[in-house]
Amino acid sequence: MSLNAYQRVRSIVETPRQAERRLMCEITGEMIHAREAGHVRGALMPSLHRNRELWSTFSAVCGSAGNELPMPLRASIISLALWVDQFTSDVAAGRESIDDLISVNRDIIEGLTGSGIPD
């Protein structure tokens, strides 16, 4: 099966939550790989940028009209996205370690894996 065919099939059978989890796993894996390779500051930027973009998207979706997640959960995700944005700047500047971003993502992955939120 070609890559394009595989991607079409995946987009048909993958729920939004599964897609979020898959992308979060991919980006978190990139951050772990960068950390294990000894990358710091600017060398972390590709994975930090993707993570920041992902969280920005989560925030935008949670703030949009018609989002059916419970309001407290939406507010928590938006709050986390704001924290990720600021903390990412601290990691890029060398003031903080990437470990806390990885930890937050792992917690979200765990929640997406076993949450009570319907697909």
PDB file of N, CA and C in Angstrom:
ATOM      1  N   MET A   1       0.860  -1.173   0.000  1.00  0.00           N
ATOM      2  CA  MET A   1       0.000   0.000   0.000  1.00  0.00           C
ATOM      3  C   MET A   1       0.905   1.235   0.000  1.00  0.00           C
ATOM      4  N   SER A   2       0.567   2.186  -0.830  1.00  0.00           N
ATOM      5  CA  SER A   2       1.370   3.407  -0.895  1.00  0.00           C
ATOM      6  C   SER A   2       1.147   4.258   0.346  1.00  0.00           C
ATOM      7  N   LEU A   3       2.069   5.180   0.600  1.00  0.00           N
ATOM      8  CA  LEU A   3       1.954   6.069   1.749  1.00  0.00           C
ATOM      9  C   LEU A   3       0.673   6.890   1.668  1.00  0.00           C
ATOM     10  N   ASN A   4       0.353   7.411   0.491  1.00  0.00           N
ATOM     11  CA  ASN A   4      -0.871   8.208   0.346  1.00  0.00           C
ATOM     12  C   ASN A   4      -2.111   7.391   0.659  1.00  0.00           C
ATOM     13  N   ALA A   5      -2.153   6.161   0.200  1.00  0.00           N
ATOM     14  CA  ALA A   5      -3.302   5.297   0.476  1.00  0.00           C
ATOM     15  C   ALA A   5      -3.410   5.012   1.970  1.00  0.00           C
ATOM     16  N   TYR A   6      -2.271   4.735   2.587  1.00  0.00           N
ATOM     17  CA  TYR A   6      -2.261   4.487   4.034  1.00  0.00           C
ATOM     18  C   TYR A   6      -2.785   5.701   4.794  1.00  0.00           C
ATOM     19  N   GLN A   7      -2.333   6.891   4.418  1.00  0.00           N
ATOM     20  CA  GLN A   7      -2.770   8.110   5.105  1.00  0.00           C
ATOM     21  C   GLN A   7      -4.263   8.348   4.908  1.00  0.00           C
ATOM     22  N   ARG A   8      -4.796   8.052   3.736  1.00  0.00           N
ATOM     23  CA  ARG A   8      -6.234   8.206   3.506  1.00  0.00           C
ATOM     24  C   ARG A   8      -7.021   7.257   4.397  1.00  0.00           C
ATOM     25  N   VAL A   9      -6.591   6.001   4.466  1.00  0.00           N
ATOM     26  CA  VAL A   9      -7.279   5.020   5.306  1.00  0.00           C
ATOM     27  C   VAL A   9      -7.220   5.441   6.761  1.00  0.00           C
ATOM     28  N   ARG A  10      -6.049   5.895   7.221  1.00  0.00           N
ATOM     29  CA  ARG A  10      -5.904   6.313   8.609  1.00  0.00           C
ATOM     30  C   ARG A  10      -6.833   7.478   8.913  1.00  0.00           C
ATOM     31  N   SER A  11      -6.954   8.424   7.995  1.00  0.00           N
ATOM     32  CA  SER A  11      -7.809   9.581   8.249  1.00  0.00           C
ATOM     33  C   SER A  11      -9.276   9.185   8.318  1.00  0.00           C
ATOM     34  N   ILE A  12      -9.642   8.084   7.689  1.00  0.00           N
ATOM     35  CA  ILE A  12     -11.029   7.622   7.733  1.00  0.00           C
ATOM     36  C   ILE A  12     -11.326   6.925   9.051  1.00  0.00           C
ATOM     37  N   VAL A  13     -10.411   6.112   9.541  1.00  0.00           N
ATOM     38  CA  VAL A  13     -10.678   5.289  10.713  1.00  0.00           C
ATOM     39  C   VAL A  13     -10.189   5.899  12.021  1.00  0.00           C
ATOM     40  N   GLU A  14      -9.364   6.918  11.968  1.00  0.00           N
ATOM     41  CA  GLU A  14      -8.791   7.509  13.170  1.00  0.00           C
ATOM     42  C   GLU A  14      -9.733   8.577  13.731  1.00  0.00           C
ATOM     43  N   THR A  15     -10.064   8.457  15.011  1.00  0.00           N
ATOM     44  CA  THR A  15     -10.900   9.472  15.656  1.00  0.00           C
ATOM     45  C   THR A  15     -10.056  10.711  15.934  1.00  0.00           C
ATOM     46  N   PRO A  16     -10.692  11.849  16.160  1.00  0.00           N
ATOM     47  CA  PRO A  16      -9.917  13.042  16.505  1.00  0.00           C
ATOM     48  C   PRO A  16      -9.021  12.826  17.721  1.00  0.00           C
ATOM     49  N   ARG A  17      -9.530  12.162  18.736  1.00  0.00           N
ATOM     50  CA  ARG A  17      -8.711  11.915  19.930  1.00  0.00           C
ATOM     51  C   ARG A  17      -7.518  11.024  19.608  1.00  0.00           C
ATOM     52  N   GLN A  18      -7.714  10.029  18.760  1.00  0.00           N
ATOM     53  CA  GLN A  18      -6.600   9.170  18.360  1.00  0.00           C
ATOM     54  C   GLN A  18      -5.564   9.965  17.570  1.00  0.00           C
ATOM     55  N   ALA A  19      -6.027  10.859  16.725  1.00  0.00           N
ATOM     56  CA  ALA A  19      -5.101  11.697  15.959  1.00  0.00           C
ATOM     57  C   ALA A  19      -4.320  12.619  16.892  1.00  0.00           C
ATOM     58  N   GLU A  20      -5.010  13.203  17.879  1.00  0.00           N
ATOM     59  CA  GLU A  20      -4.334  14.058  18.857  1.00  0.00           C
ATOM     60  C   GLU A  20      -3.279  13.269  19.616  1.00  0.00           C
ATOM     61  N   ARG A  21      -3.638  12.071  20.037  1.00  0.00           N
ATOM     62  CA  ARG A  21      -2.702  11.232  20.793  1.00  0.00           C
ATOM     63  C   ARG A  21      -1.501  10.853  19.936  1.00  0.00           C
ATOM     64  N   ARG A  22      -1.753  10.460  18.689  1.00  0.00           N
ATOM     65  CA  ARG A  22      -0.669  10.075  17.789  1.00  0.00           C
ATOM     66  C   ARG A  22       0.296  11.238  17.581  1.00  0.00           C
ATOM     67  N   LEU A  23      -0.240  12.418  17.324  1.00  0.00           N
ATOM     68  CA  LEU A  23       0.609  13.586  17.107  1.00  0.00           C
ATOM     69  C   LEU A  23       1.367  13.968  18.373  1.00  0.00           C
ATOM     70  N   MET A  24       0.686  13.905  19.520  1.00  0.00           N
ATOM     71  CA  MET A  24       1.344  14.213  20.790  1.00  0.00           C
ATOM     72  C   MET A  24       2.472  13.212  21.059  1.00  0.00           C
ATOM     73  N   CYS A  25       2.250  11.932  20.762  1.00  0.00           N
ATOM     74  CA  CYS A  25       3.317  10.921  20.929  1.00  0.00           C
ATOM     75  C   CYS A  25       4.497  11.211  20.012  1.00  0.00           C
ATOM     76  N   GLU A  26       4.203  11.573  18.777  1.00  0.00           N
ATOM     77  CA  GLU A  26       5.266  11.870  17.810  1.00  0.00           C
ATOM     78  C   GLU A  26       6.124  13.052  18.269  1.00  0.00           C
ATOM     79  N   ILE A  27       5.476  14.122  18.669  1.00  0.00           N
ATOM     80  CA  ILE A  27       6.201  15.329  19.080  1.00  0.00           C
ATOM     81  C   ILE A  27       6.954  15.095  20.386  1.00  0.00           C
ATOM     82  N   THR A  28       6.329  14.391  21.312  1.00  0.00           N
ATOM     83  CA  THR A  28       6.996  14.091  22.579  1.00  0.00           C
ATOM     84  C   THR A  28       8.219  13.213  22.324  1.00  0.00           C
ATOM     85  N   GLY A  29       8.093  12.261  21.419  1.00  0.00           N
ATOM     86  CA  GLY A  29       9.233  11.433  21.035  1.00  0.00           C
ATOM     87  C   GLY A  29      10.370  12.262  20.461  1.00  0.00           C
ATOM     88  N   GLU A  30      10.029  13.265  19.657  1.00  0.00           N
ATOM     89  CA  GLU A  30      11.054  14.156  19.103  1.00  0.00           C
ATOM     90  C   GLU A  30      11.769  14.920  20.222  1.00  0.00           C
ATOM     91  N   MET A  31      11.003  15.383  21.209  1.00  0.00           N
ATOM     92  CA  MET A  31      11.620  16.119  22.317  1.00  0.00           C
ATOM     93  C   MET A  31      12.518  15.204  23.139  1.00  0.00           C
ATOM     94  N   ILE A  32      12.075  13.982  23.366  1.00  0.00           N
ATOM     95  CA  ILE A  32      12.900  13.020  24.113  1.00  0.00           C
ATOM     96  C   ILE A  32      14.181  12.721  23.345  1.00  0.00           C
ATOM     97  N   HIS A  33      14.051  12.510  22.055  1.00  0.00           N
ATOM     98  CA  HIS A  33      15.229  12.246  21.222  1.00  0.00           C
ATOM     99  C   HIS A  33      16.209  13.425  21.275  1.00  0.00           C
ATOM    100  N   ALA A  34      15.689  14.635  21.186  1.00  0.00           N
ATOM    101  CA  ALA A  34      16.550  15.829  21.238  1.00  0.00           C
ATOM    102  C   ALA A  34      17.252  15.922  22.593  1.00  0.00           C
ATOM    103  N   ARG A  35      16.523  15.646  23.663  1.00  0.00           N
ATOM    104  CA  ARG A  35      17.127  15.690  25.001  1.00  0.00           C
ATOM    105  C   ARG A  35      18.223  14.641  25.131  1.00  0.00           C
ATOM    106  N   GLU A  36      17.919  13.418  24.680  1.00  0.00           N
ATOM    107  CA  GLU A  36      18.898  12.335  24.793  1.00  0.00           C
ATOM    108  C   GLU A  36      20.121  12.566  23.909  1.00  0.00           C
ATOM    109  N   ALA A  37      19.952  13.336  22.841  1.00  0.00           N
ATOM    110  CA  ALA A  37      21.079  13.672  21.970  1.00  0.00           C
ATOM    111  C   ALA A  37      21.906  14.813  22.558  1.00  0.00           C
ATOM    112  N   GLY A  38      21.469  15.347  23.696  1.00  0.00           N
ATOM    113  CA  GLY A  38      22.213  16.408  24.353  1.00  0.00           C
ATOM    114  C   GLY A  38      21.929  17.801  23.805  1.00  0.00           C
ATOM    115  N   HIS A  39      20.874  17.922  23.033  1.00  0.00           N
ATOM    116  CA  HIS A  39      20.552  19.232  22.468  1.00  0.00           C
ATOM    117  C   HIS A  39      20.086  20.192  23.554  1.00  0.00           C
ATOM    118  N   VAL A  40      20.488  21.423  23.412  1.00  0.00           N
ATOM    119  CA  VAL A  40      20.046  22.499  24.312  1.00  0.00           C
ATOM    120  C   VAL A  40      19.766  23.736  23.471  1.00  0.00           C
ATOM    121  N   ARG A  41      19.067  24.655  24.062  1.00  0.00           N
ATOM    122  CA  ARG A  41      18.752  25.950  23.452  1.00  0.00           C
ATOM    123  C   ARG A  41      18.292  25.830  22.007  1.00  0.00           C
ATOM    124  N   GLY A  42      19.001  26.475  21.096  1.00  0.00           N
ATOM    125  CA  GLY A  42      18.589  26.533  19.696  1.00  0.00           C
ATOM    126  C   GLY A  42      18.444  25.177  19.030  1.00  0.00           C
ATOM    127  N   ALA A  43      19.246  24.212  19.448  1.00  0.00           N
ATOM    128  CA  ALA A  43      19.163  22.879  18.857  1.00  0.00           C
ATOM    129  C   ALA A  43      17.844  22.177  19.200  1.00  0.00           C
ATOM    130  N   LEU A  44      17.175  22.648  20.246  1.00  0.00           N
ATOM    131  CA  LEU A  44      15.880  22.086  20.624  1.00  0.00           C
ATOM    132  C   LEU A  44      14.720  22.701  19.838  1.00  0.00           C
ATOM    133  N   MET A  45      14.978  23.795  19.134  1.00  0.00           N
ATOM    134  CA  MET A  45      13.899  24.580  18.537  1.00  0.00           C
ATOM    135  C   MET A  45      12.976  23.818  17.590  1.00  0.00           C
ATOM    136  N   PRO A  46      13.469  22.926  16.742  1.00  0.00           N
ATOM    137  CA  PRO A  46      12.510  22.231  15.872  1.00  0.00           C
ATOM    138  C   PRO A  46      11.431  21.479  16.658  1.00  0.00           C
ATOM    139  N   SER A  47      11.835  20.722  17.677  1.00  0.00           N
ATOM    140  CA  SER A  47      10.835  19.979  18.456  1.00  0.00           C
ATOM    141  C   SER A  47      10.041  20.915  19.364  1.00  0.00           C
ATOM    142  N   LEU A  48      10.684  21.925  19.916  1.00  0.00           N
ATOM    143  CA  LEU A  48       9.957  22.890  20.746  1.00  0.00           C
ATOM    144  C   LEU A  48       8.908  23.644  19.925  1.00  0.00           C
ATOM    145  N   HIS A  49       9.267  24.004  18.721  1.00  0.00           N
ATOM    146  CA  HIS A  49       8.335  24.734  17.859  1.00  0.00           C
ATOM    147  C   HIS A  49       7.114  23.880  17.520  1.00  0.00           C
ATOM    148  N   ARG A  50       7.344  22.621  17.168  1.00  0.00           N
ATOM    149  CA  ARG A  50       6.207  21.733  16.866  1.00  0.00           C
ATOM    150  C   ARG A  50       5.317  21.551  18.084  1.00  0.00           C
ATOM    151  N   ASN A  51       5.926  21.419  19.251  1.00  0.00           N
ATOM    152  CA  ASN A  51       5.134  21.253  20.470  1.00  0.00           C
ATOM    153  C   ASN A  51       4.318  22.512  20.753  1.00  0.00           C
ATOM    154  N   ARG A  52       4.944  23.659  20.604  1.00  0.00           N
ATOM    155  CA  ARG A  52       4.245  24.927  20.828  1.00  0.00           C
ATOM    156  C   ARG A  52       3.081  25.083  19.837  1.00  0.00           C
ATOM    157  N   GLU A  53       3.297  24.727  18.594  1.00  0.00           N
ATOM    158  CA  GLU A  53       2.230  24.802  17.586  1.00  0.00           C
ATOM    159  C   GLU A  53       1.068  23.885  17.945  1.00  0.00           C
ATOM    160  N   LEU A  54       1.390  22.680  18.395  1.00  0.00           N
ATOM    161  CA  LEU A  54       0.347  21.727  18.786  1.00  0.00           C
ATOM    162  C   LEU A  54      -0.495  22.296  19.917  1.00  0.00           C
ATOM    163  N   TRP A  55       0.166  22.816  20.948  1.00  0.00           N
ATOM    164  CA  TRP A  55      -0.564  23.374  22.079  1.00  0.00           C
ATOM    165  C   TRP A  55      -1.349  24.624  21.684  1.00  0.00           C
ATOM    166  N   SER A  56      -0.821  25.399  20.791  1.00  0.00           N
ATOM    167  CA  SER A  56      -1.538  26.569  20.290  1.00  0.00           C
ATOM    168  C   SER A  56      -2.816  26.136  19.566  1.00  0.00           C
ATOM    169  N   THR A  57      -2.717  25.066  18.812  1.00  0.00           N
ATOM    170  CA  THR A  57      -3.894  24.532  18.121  1.00  0.00           C
ATOM    171  C   THR A  57      -4.915  24.015  19.129  1.00  0.00           C
ATOM    172  N   PHE A  58      -4.453  23.279  20.136  1.00  0.00           N
ATOM    173  CA  PHE A  58      -5.369  22.815  21.180  1.00  0.00           C
ATOM    174  C   PHE A  58      -6.101  23.991  21.811  1.00  0.00           C
ATOM    175  N   SER A  59      -5.361  25.046  22.110  1.00  0.00           N
ATOM    176  CA  SER A  59      -5.950  26.233  22.730  1.00  0.00           C
ATOM    177  C   SER A  59      -6.995  26.868  21.821  1.00  0.00           C
ATOM    178  N   ALA A  60      -6.655  27.026  20.554  1.00  0.00           N
ATOM    179  CA  ALA A  60      -7.585  27.641  19.603  1.00  0.00           C
ATOM    180  C   ALA A  60      -8.859  26.813  19.459  1.00  0.00           C
ATOM    181  N   VAL A  61      -8.710  25.503  19.404  1.00  0.00           N
ATOM    182  CA  VAL A  61      -9.874  24.630  19.275  1.00  0.00           C
ATOM    183  C   VAL A  61     -10.736  24.705  20.534  1.00  0.00           C
ATOM    184  N   CYS A  62     -10.102  24.744  21.687  1.00  0.00           N
ATOM    185  CA  CYS A  62     -10.860  24.821  22.944  1.00  0.00           C
ATOM    186  C   CYS A  62     -11.583  26.164  23.090  1.00  0.00           C
ATOM    187  N   GLY A  63     -11.048  27.198  22.477  1.00  0.00           N
ATOM    188  CA  GLY A  63     -11.666  28.508  22.554  1.00  0.00           C
ATOM    189  C   GLY A  63     -12.706  28.761  21.481  1.00  0.00           C
ATOM    190  N   SER A  64     -12.872  27.815  20.576  1.00  0.00           N
ATOM    191  CA  SER A  64     -13.790  28.026  19.463  1.00  0.00           C
ATOM    192  C   SER A  64     -15.230  27.683  19.845  1.00  0.00           C
ATOM    193  N   ALA A  65     -16.142  28.380  19.193  1.00  0.00           N
ATOM    194  CA  ALA A  65     -17.571  28.110  19.389  1.00  0.00           C
ATOM    195  C   ALA A  65     -17.874  26.700  18.897  1.00  0.00           C
ATOM    196  N   GLY A  66     -18.745  26.033  19.593  1.00  0.00           N
ATOM    197  CA  GLY A  66     -19.138  24.699  19.188  1.00  0.00           C
ATOM    198  C   GLY A  66     -18.299  23.583  19.773  1.00  0.00           C
ATOM    199  N   ASN A  67     -17.235  23.919  20.502  1.00  0.00           N
ATOM    200  CA  ASN A  67     -16.433  22.884  21.132  1.00  0.00           C
ATOM    201  C   ASN A  67     -17.282  22.245  22.215  1.00  0.00           C
ATOM    202  N   GLU A  68     -17.386  20.926  22.189  1.00  0.00           N
ATOM    203  CA  GLU A  68     -18.288  20.225  23.094  1.00  0.00           C
ATOM    204  C   GLU A  68     -17.619  19.696  24.357  1.00  0.00           C
ATOM    205  N   LEU A  69     -16.330  19.964  24.527  1.00  0.00           N
ATOM    206  CA  LEU A  69     -15.683  19.564  25.779  1.00  0.00           C
ATOM    207  C   LEU A  69     -16.275  20.379  26.921  1.00  0.00           C
ATOM    208  N   PRO A  70     -16.297  19.825  28.122  1.00  0.00           N
ATOM    209  CA  PRO A  70     -16.783  20.595  29.272  1.00  0.00           C
ATOM    210  C   PRO A  70     -15.938  21.852  29.470  1.00  0.00           C
ATOM    211  N   MET A  71     -16.596  22.941  29.859  1.00  0.00           N
ATOM    212  CA  MET A  71     -15.917  24.231  30.006  1.00  0.00           C
ATOM    213  C   MET A  71     -14.698  24.157  30.932  1.00  0.00           C
ATOM    214  N   PRO A  72     -14.779  23.474  32.093  1.00  0.00           N
ATOM    215  CA  PRO A  72     -13.576  23.410  32.948  1.00  0.00           C
ATOM    216  C   PRO A  72     -12.387  22.732  32.253  1.00  0.00           C
ATOM    217  N   LEU A  73     -12.659  21.698  31.462  1.00  0.00           N
ATOM    218  CA  LEU A  73     -11.584  21.019  30.735  1.00  0.00           C
ATOM    219  C   LEU A  73     -11.017  21.940  29.662  1.00  0.00           C
ATOM    220  N   ARG A  74     -11.880  22.639  28.948  1.00  0.00           N
ATOM    221  CA  ARG A  74     -11.415  23.581  27.929  1.00  0.00           C
ATOM    222  C   ARG A  74     -10.528  24.647  28.569  1.00  0.00           C
ATOM    223  N   ALA A  75     -10.965  25.176  29.710  1.00  0.00           N
ATOM    224  CA  ALA A  75     -10.183  26.210  30.400  1.00  0.00           C
ATOM    225  C   ALA A  75      -8.829  25.661  30.838  1.00  0.00           C
ATOM    226  N   SER A  76      -8.803  24.431  31.305  1.00  0.00           N
ATOM    227  CA  SER A  76      -7.543  23.817  31.735  1.00  0.00           C
ATOM    228  C   SER A  76      -6.587  23.635  30.561  1.00  0.00           C
ATOM    229  N   ILE A  77      -7.108  23.220  29.423  1.00  0.00           N
ATOM    230  CA  ILE A  77      -6.262  23.031  28.243  1.00  0.00           C
ATOM    231  C   ILE A  77      -5.706  24.368  27.774  1.00  0.00           C
ATOM    232  N   ILE A  78      -6.545  25.401  27.766  1.00  0.00           N
ATOM    233  CA  ILE A  78      -6.079  26.735  27.372  1.00  0.00           C
ATOM    234  C   ILE A  78      -5.008  27.225  28.341  1.00  0.00           C
ATOM    235  N   SER A  79      -5.221  27.003  29.628  1.00  0.00           N
ATOM    236  CA  SER A  79      -4.233  27.405  30.635  1.00  0.00           C
ATOM    237  C   SER A  79      -2.912  26.668  30.427  1.00  0.00           C
ATOM    238  N   LEU A  80      -2.986  25.370  30.170  1.00  0.00           N
ATOM    239  CA  LEU A  80      -1.771  24.591  29.903  1.00  0.00           C
ATOM    240  C   LEU A  80      -1.065  25.098  28.648  1.00  0.00           C
ATOM    241  N   ALA A  81      -1.832  25.436  27.632  1.00  0.00           N
ATOM    242  CA  ALA A  81      -1.234  25.942  26.389  1.00  0.00           C
ATOM    243  C   ALA A  81      -0.487  27.247  26.639  1.00  0.00           C
ATOM    244  N   LEU A  82      -1.047  28.101  27.475  1.00  0.00           N
ATOM    245  CA  LEU A  82      -0.365  29.355  27.812  1.00  0.00           C
ATOM    246  C   LEU A  82       0.931  29.072  28.572  1.00  0.00           C
ATOM    247  N   TRP A  83       0.863  28.123  29.509  1.00  0.00           N
ATOM    248  CA  TRP A  83       2.062  27.737  30.254  1.00  0.00           C
ATOM    249  C   TRP A  83       3.112  27.165  29.305  1.00  0.00           C
ATOM    250  N   VAL A  84       2.694  26.265  28.388  1.00  0.00           N
ATOM    251  CA  VAL A  84       3.629  25.666  27.438  1.00  0.00           C
ATOM    252  C   VAL A  84       4.309  26.750  26.611  1.00  0.00           C
ATOM    253  N   ASP A  85       3.547  27.735  26.166  1.00  0.00           N
ATOM    254  CA  ASP A  85       4.112  28.816  25.369  1.00  0.00           C
ATOM    255  C   ASP A  85       5.214  29.545  26.137  1.00  0.00           C
ATOM    256  N   GLN A  86       4.917  29.936  27.371  1.00  0.00           N
ATOM    257  CA  GLN A  86       5.907  30.660  28.173  1.00  0.00           C
ATOM    258  C   GLN A  86       7.092  29.777  28.549  1.00  0.00           C
ATOM    259  N   PHE A  87       6.811  28.560  28.980  1.00  0.00           N
ATOM    260  CA  PHE A  87       7.877  27.667  29.426  1.00  0.00           C
ATOM    261  C   PHE A  87       8.795  27.294  28.267  1.00  0.00           C
ATOM    262  N   THR A  88       8.226  27.173  27.070  1.00  0.00           N
ATOM    263  CA  THR A  88       9.038  26.875  25.886  1.00  0.00           C
ATOM    264  C   THR A  88      10.078  27.961  25.666  1.00  0.00           C
ATOM    265  N   SER A  89       9.699  29.203  25.879  1.00  0.00           N
ATOM    266  CA  SER A  89      10.658  30.308  25.759  1.00  0.00           C
ATOM    267  C   SER A  89      11.780  30.160  26.774  1.00  0.00           C
ATOM    268  N   ASP A  90      11.433  29.735  27.993  1.00  0.00           N
ATOM    269  CA  ASP A  90      12.444  29.533  29.028  1.00  0.00           C
ATOM    270  C   ASP A  90      13.391  28.382  28.679  1.00  0.00           C
ATOM    271  N   VAL A  91      12.844  27.313  28.088  1.00  0.00           N
ATOM    272  CA  VAL A  91      13.685  26.187  27.669  1.00  0.00           C
ATOM    273  C   VAL A  91      14.617  26.628  26.544  1.00  0.00           C
ATOM    274  N   ALA A  92      14.075  27.347  25.572  1.00  0.00           N
ATOM    275  CA  ALA A  92      14.890  27.805  24.436  1.00  0.00           C
ATOM    276  C   ALA A  92      16.005  28.740  24.884  1.00  0.00           C
ATOM    277  N   ALA A  93      15.752  29.498  25.936  1.00  0.00           N
ATOM    278  CA  ALA A  93      16.757  30.429  26.455  1.00  0.00           C
ATOM    279  C   ALA A  93      17.748  29.750  27.396  1.00  0.00           C
ATOM    280  N   GLY A  94      17.510  28.488  27.707  1.00  0.00           N
ATOM    281  CA  GLY A  94      18.412  27.757  28.589  1.00  0.00           C
ATOM    282  C   GLY A  94      18.130  27.960  30.066  1.00  0.00           C
ATOM    283  N   ARG A  95      16.997  28.598  30.403  1.00  0.00           N
ATOM    284  CA  ARG A  95      16.652  28.830  31.812  1.00  0.00           C
ATOM    285  C   ARG A  95      15.947  27.635  32.447  1.00  0.00           C
ATOM    286  N   GLU A  96      15.373  26.768  31.619  1.00  0.00           N
ATOM    287  CA  GLU A  96      14.642  25.600  32.108  1.00  0.00           C
ATOM    288  C   GLU A  96      15.010  24.384  31.268  1.00  0.00           C
ATOM    289  N   SER A  97      14.688  23.215  31.799  1.00  0.00           N
ATOM    290  CA  SER A  97      14.921  21.948  31.106  1.00  0.00           C
ATOM    291  C   SER A  97      13.673  21.566  30.316  1.00  0.00           C
ATOM    292  N   ILE A  98      13.868  20.821  29.275  1.00  0.00           N
ATOM    293  CA  ILE A  98      12.760  20.339  28.458  1.00  0.00           C
ATOM    294  C   ILE A  98      11.943  19.262  29.180  1.00  0.00           C
ATOM    295  N   ASP A  99      12.467  18.753  30.296  1.00  0.00           N
ATOM    296  CA  ASP A  99      11.825  17.643  31.006  1.00  0.00           C
ATOM    297  C   ASP A  99      10.383  17.931  31.412  1.00  0.00           C
ATOM    298  N   ASP A 100      10.087  19.145  31.863  1.00  0.00           N
ATOM    299  CA  ASP A 100       8.722  19.448  32.297  1.00  0.00           C
ATOM    300  C   ASP A 100       7.750  19.448  31.120  1.00  0.00           C
ATOM    301  N   LEU A 101       8.180  19.897  29.958  1.00  0.00           N
ATOM    302  CA  LEU A 101       7.321  19.839  28.772  1.00  0.00           C
ATOM    303  C   LEU A 101       7.036  18.386  28.394  1.00  0.00           C
ATOM    304  N   ILE A 102       8.054  17.559  28.460  1.00  0.00           N
ATOM    305  CA  ILE A 102       7.888  16.135  28.164  1.00  0.00           C
ATOM    306  C   ILE A 102       6.916  15.510  29.155  1.00  0.00           C
ATOM    307  N   SER A 103       7.055  15.848  30.418  1.00  0.00           N
ATOM    308  CA  SER A 103       6.187  15.299  31.457  1.00  0.00           C
ATOM    309  C   SER A 103       4.723  15.694  31.246  1.00  0.00           C
ATOM    310  N   VAL A 104       4.486  16.957  30.935  1.00  0.00           N
ATOM    311  CA  VAL A 104       3.114  17.415  30.678  1.00  0.00           C
ATOM    312  C   VAL A 104       2.530  16.664  29.482  1.00  0.00           C
ATOM    313  N   ASN A 105       3.309  16.553  28.418  1.00  0.00           N
ATOM    314  CA  ASN A 105       2.817  15.835  27.244  1.00  0.00           C
ATOM    315  C   ASN A 105       2.498  14.385  27.566  1.00  0.00           C
ATOM    316  N   ARG A 106       3.358  13.748  28.352  1.00  0.00           N
ATOM    317  CA  ARG A 106       3.100  12.350  28.729  1.00  0.00           C
ATOM    318  C   ARG A 106       1.799  12.232  29.530  1.00  0.00           C
ATOM    319  N   ASP A 107       1.550  13.178  30.402  1.00  0.00           N
ATOM    320  CA  ASP A 107       0.294  13.167  31.164  1.00  0.00           C
ATOM    321  C   ASP A 107      -0.907  13.311  30.236  1.00  0.00           C
ATOM    322  N   ILE A 108      -0.799  14.168  29.250  1.00  0.00           N
ATOM    323  CA  ILE A 108      -1.893  14.354  28.296  1.00  0.00           C
ATOM    324  C   ILE A 108      -2.069  13.099  27.447  1.00  0.00           C
ATOM    325  N   ILE A 109      -0.980  12.496  27.023  1.00  0.00           N
ATOM    326  CA  ILE A 109      -1.059  11.242  26.259  1.00  0.00           C
ATOM    327  C   ILE A 109      -1.796  10.188  27.072  1.00  0.00           C
ATOM    328  N   GLU A 110      -1.441  10.091  28.338  1.00  0.00           N
ATOM    329  CA  GLU A 110      -2.111   9.129  29.221  1.00  0.00           C
ATOM    330  C   GLU A 110      -3.609   9.422  29.302  1.00  0.00           C
ATOM    331  N   GLY A 111      -3.949  10.702  29.422  1.00  0.00           N
ATOM    332  CA  GLY A 111      -5.361  11.084  29.465  1.00  0.00           C
ATOM    333  C   GLY A 111      -6.081  10.781  28.166  1.00  0.00           C
ATOM    334  N   LEU A 112      -5.431  11.011  27.044  1.00  0.00           N
ATOM    335  CA  LEU A 112      -6.046  10.717  25.753  1.00  0.00           C
ATOM    336  C   LEU A 112      -6.203   9.212  25.535  1.00  0.00           C
ATOM    337  N   THR A 113      -5.351   8.446  26.178  1.00  0.00           N
ATOM    338  CA  THR A 113      -5.398   6.999  26.050  1.00  0.00           C
ATOM    339  C   THR A 113      -6.553   6.402  26.854  1.00  0.00           C
ATOM    340  N   GLY A 114      -6.744   6.929  28.071  1.00  0.00           N
ATOM    341  CA  GLY A 114      -7.727   6.306  28.931  1.00  0.00           C
ATOM    342  C   GLY A 114      -8.789   7.233  29.463  1.00  0.00           C
ATOM    343  N   SER A 115      -9.004   8.358  28.819  1.00  0.00           N
ATOM    344  CA  SER A 115      -9.967   9.315  29.360  1.00  0.00           C
ATOM    345  C   SER A 115     -11.394   8.832  29.157  1.00  0.00           C
ATOM    346  N   GLY A 116     -12.262   9.391  29.952  1.00  0.00           N
ATOM    347  CA  GLY A 116     -13.678   9.085  29.837  1.00  0.00           C
ATOM    348  C   GLY A 116     -14.391   9.928  28.805  1.00  0.00           C
ATOM    349  N   ILE A 117     -13.653  10.751  28.082  1.00  0.00           N
ATOM    350  CA  ILE A 117     -14.257  11.597  27.058  1.00  0.00           C
ATOM    351  C   ILE A 117     -14.564  10.726  25.843  1.00  0.00           C
ATOM    352  N   PRO A 118     -15.795  10.719  25.365  1.00  0.00           N
ATOM    353  CA  PRO A 118     -16.117   9.886  24.216  1.00  0.00           C
ATOM    354  C   PRO A 118     -15.361  10.302  22.970  1.00  0.00           C
ATOM    355  N   ASP A 119     -15.098   9.319  22.086  1.00  0.00           N
ATOM    356  CA  ASP A 119     -14.420   9.599  20.803  1.00  0.00           C
ATOM    357  C   ASP A 119     -15.283  10.462  19.927  1.00  0.00           C
TER     358      ASP A 119
END
